[in-house]
């Protein structure tokens, strides 16, 4: 959401543009998931799990779509 607001030059999401913003957020999340799924596993994984690979985040995303 923050990325879409920044790119769109929006200080807040109004009712008139909420649908467009939410669609953009969903598209960006889907593209990010595809990227993470296609990248090979890292030899030395990061000390923390990236946000979109965390089970609780994946569950929230799955619940939306």
N, C-alpha and C. Protein backbone atom coordinates (compact mmCIF):
# COMPACT_ATOMS: atom_id res chain seq x y z
N UNK A 1 0.84 -1.19 0.00
CA UNK A 1 0.00 0.00 0.00
C UNK A 1 0.88 1.25 0.00
N UNK A 2 1.89 1.24 0.85
CA UNK A 2 2.76 2.41 0.95
C UNK A 2 3.45 2.67 -0.38
N UNK A 3 3.92 1.62 -1.05
CA UNK A 3 4.59 1.77 -2.34
C UNK A 3 3.63 2.36 -3.37
N UNK A 4 2.41 1.85 -3.44
CA UNK A 4 1.43 2.34 -4.40
C UNK A 4 1.09 3.80 -4.12
N UNK A 5 0.92 4.14 -2.85
CA UNK A 5 0.65 5.54 -2.50
C UNK A 5 1.80 6.43 -2.91
N UNK A 6 3.03 5.99 -2.69
CA UNK A 6 4.20 6.79 -3.02
C UNK A 6 4.29 7.00 -4.53
N UNK A 7 4.17 5.92 -5.29
CA UNK A 7 4.26 6.01 -6.74
C UNK A 7 3.10 6.84 -7.31
N UNK A 8 1.92 6.66 -6.74
CA UNK A 8 0.74 7.38 -7.22
C UNK A 8 0.66 8.82 -6.74
N UNK A 9 1.56 9.21 -5.83
CA UNK A 9 1.52 10.56 -5.31
C UNK A 9 0.31 10.82 -4.42
N UNK A 10 -0.14 9.79 -3.72
CA UNK A 10 -1.32 9.91 -2.87
C UNK A 10 -0.91 10.02 -1.41
N UNK A 11 -1.46 11.00 -0.72
CA UNK A 11 -1.17 11.10 0.71
C UNK A 11 -2.09 10.18 1.50
N UNK A 12 -3.26 9.90 0.93
CA UNK A 12 -4.19 8.95 1.53
C UNK A 12 -5.05 8.35 0.42
N UNK A 13 -5.71 7.26 0.73
CA UNK A 13 -6.56 6.59 -0.25
C UNK A 13 -8.01 7.00 0.01
N UNK A 14 -8.60 7.63 -0.98
CA UNK A 14 -9.99 8.06 -0.83
C UNK A 14 -10.92 6.99 -1.40
N UNK A 15 -12.20 7.13 -1.14
CA UNK A 15 -13.18 6.17 -1.65
C UNK A 15 -13.20 6.14 -3.17
N UNK A 16 -12.90 7.27 -3.80
CA UNK A 16 -12.97 7.34 -5.26
C UNK A 16 -11.83 6.57 -5.94
N UNK A 17 -10.70 6.38 -5.25
CA UNK A 17 -9.60 5.65 -5.88
C UNK A 17 -9.21 4.37 -5.13
N UNK A 18 -10.00 3.98 -4.15
CA UNK A 18 -9.68 2.81 -3.33
C UNK A 18 -9.59 1.53 -4.17
N UNK A 19 -10.52 1.32 -5.09
CA UNK A 19 -10.54 0.09 -5.90
C UNK A 19 -9.28 0.00 -6.74
N UNK A 20 -8.91 1.09 -7.38
CA UNK A 20 -7.72 1.10 -8.23
C UNK A 20 -6.47 0.84 -7.41
N UNK A 21 -6.37 1.45 -6.26
CA UNK A 21 -5.21 1.27 -5.39
C UNK A 21 -5.14 -0.17 -4.90
N UNK A 22 -6.26 -0.75 -4.48
CA UNK A 22 -6.26 -2.12 -3.99
C UNK A 22 -5.90 -3.11 -5.11
N UNK A 23 -6.34 -2.84 -6.34
CA UNK A 23 -5.97 -3.69 -7.48
C UNK A 23 -4.47 -3.62 -7.73
N UNK A 24 -3.91 -2.41 -7.65
CA UNK A 24 -2.47 -2.24 -7.85
C UNK A 24 -1.68 -2.98 -6.77
N UNK A 25 -2.14 -2.89 -5.54
CA UNK A 25 -1.47 -3.60 -4.43
C UNK A 25 -1.50 -5.10 -4.69
N UNK A 26 -2.64 -5.63 -5.12
CA UNK A 26 -2.76 -7.07 -5.39
C UNK A 26 -1.84 -7.49 -6.54
N UNK A 27 -1.76 -6.69 -7.59
CA UNK A 27 -0.89 -7.01 -8.72
C UNK A 27 0.57 -7.01 -8.31
N UNK A 28 0.97 -6.03 -7.51
CA UNK A 28 2.36 -5.95 -7.06
C UNK A 28 2.67 -7.12 -6.14
N UNK A 29 1.75 -7.47 -5.26
CA UNK A 29 1.96 -8.62 -4.37
C UNK A 29 2.10 -9.91 -5.18
N UNK A 30 1.27 -10.07 -6.21
CA UNK A 30 1.35 -11.27 -7.06
C UNK A 30 2.68 -11.32 -7.80
N UNK A 31 3.12 -10.19 -8.34
CA UNK A 31 4.41 -10.16 -9.04
C UNK A 31 5.56 -10.47 -8.09
N UNK A 32 5.46 -9.98 -6.88
CA UNK A 32 6.50 -10.25 -5.88
C UNK A 32 6.52 -11.73 -5.53
N UNK A 33 5.35 -12.34 -5.38
CA UNK A 33 5.28 -13.78 -5.08
C UNK A 33 5.89 -14.59 -6.21
N UNK A 34 5.58 -14.22 -7.47
CA UNK A 34 6.16 -14.95 -8.60
C UNK A 34 7.67 -14.85 -8.59
N UNK A 35 8.19 -13.66 -8.32
CA UNK A 35 9.63 -13.46 -8.26
C UNK A 35 10.25 -14.34 -7.18
N UNK A 36 9.69 -14.30 -5.97
CA UNK A 36 10.25 -15.08 -4.87
C UNK A 36 10.16 -16.58 -5.13
N UNK A 37 9.09 -17.02 -5.80
CA UNK A 37 8.93 -18.44 -6.12
C UNK A 37 9.95 -18.91 -7.14
N UNK A 38 10.33 -18.04 -8.06
CA UNK A 38 11.24 -18.42 -9.14
C UNK A 38 12.71 -18.26 -8.79
N UNK A 39 13.02 -17.50 -7.77
CA UNK A 39 14.42 -17.34 -7.39
C UNK A 39 14.92 -18.61 -6.72
N UNK A 40 16.17 -18.98 -6.98
CA UNK A 40 16.70 -20.16 -6.29
C UNK A 40 16.89 -19.86 -4.81
N UNK A 41 16.91 -20.93 -4.03
CA UNK A 41 17.15 -20.76 -2.60
C UNK A 41 18.55 -20.19 -2.39
N UNK A 42 18.67 -19.34 -1.40
CA UNK A 42 19.97 -18.74 -1.11
C UNK A 42 20.83 -19.73 -0.34
N UNK A 43 22.14 -19.70 -0.65
CA UNK A 43 23.07 -20.59 0.05
C UNK A 43 23.12 -20.24 1.54
N UNK A 44 23.13 -18.96 1.82
CA UNK A 44 23.13 -18.51 3.22
C UNK A 44 21.85 -17.69 3.41
N UNK A 45 20.79 -18.34 3.89
CA UNK A 45 19.53 -17.61 4.04
C UNK A 45 19.67 -16.45 5.03
N UNK A 46 18.85 -15.43 4.84
CA UNK A 46 18.90 -14.30 5.77
C UNK A 46 18.53 -14.75 7.18
N UNK A 47 18.94 -13.98 8.17
CA UNK A 47 18.67 -14.33 9.56
C UNK A 47 17.18 -14.28 9.87
N UNK A 48 16.44 -13.48 9.11
CA UNK A 48 14.99 -13.43 9.27
C UNK A 48 14.34 -13.82 7.95
N UNK A 49 13.14 -14.32 8.02
CA UNK A 49 12.40 -14.71 6.83
C UNK A 49 11.84 -13.44 6.18
N UNK A 50 12.03 -13.27 4.84
CA UNK A 50 11.46 -12.10 4.18
C UNK A 50 9.95 -12.03 4.43
N UNK A 51 9.39 -10.83 4.53
CA UNK A 51 7.97 -10.68 4.89
C UNK A 51 7.01 -11.52 4.06
N UNK A 52 7.16 -11.55 2.74
CA UNK A 52 6.17 -12.26 1.93
C UNK A 52 6.36 -13.77 1.96
N UNK A 53 7.41 -14.26 2.60
CA UNK A 53 7.58 -15.71 2.76
C UNK A 53 7.17 -16.18 4.15
N UNK A 54 6.77 -15.27 5.01
CA UNK A 54 6.35 -15.63 6.35
C UNK A 54 4.96 -16.28 6.28
N UNK A 55 4.77 -17.40 6.97
CA UNK A 55 3.48 -18.11 6.90
C UNK A 55 2.28 -17.23 7.25
N UNK A 56 2.42 -16.39 8.27
CA UNK A 56 1.27 -15.57 8.67
C UNK A 56 0.91 -14.55 7.60
N UNK A 57 1.91 -14.04 6.87
CA UNK A 57 1.65 -13.08 5.79
C UNK A 57 1.03 -13.82 4.62
N UNK A 58 1.54 -15.00 4.29
CA UNK A 58 0.96 -15.78 3.20
C UNK A 58 -0.49 -16.15 3.49
N UNK A 59 -0.80 -16.43 4.74
CA UNK A 59 -2.18 -16.75 5.12
C UNK A 59 -3.09 -15.54 4.93
N UNK A 60 -2.61 -14.34 5.30
CA UNK A 60 -3.42 -13.13 5.11
C UNK A 60 -3.66 -12.86 3.63
N UNK A 61 -2.62 -13.03 2.82
CA UNK A 61 -2.75 -12.80 1.37
C UNK A 61 -3.71 -13.82 0.77
N UNK A 62 -3.60 -15.08 1.17
CA UNK A 62 -4.50 -16.11 0.66
C UNK A 62 -5.95 -15.84 1.05
N UNK A 63 -6.15 -15.30 2.24
CA UNK A 63 -7.51 -15.00 2.69
C UNK A 63 -8.14 -13.90 1.87
N UNK A 64 -7.33 -12.97 1.37
CA UNK A 64 -7.86 -11.87 0.55
C UNK A 64 -8.26 -12.35 -0.84
N UNK A 65 -7.47 -13.25 -1.41
CA UNK A 65 -7.68 -13.64 -2.80
C UNK A 65 -8.29 -14.96 -2.89
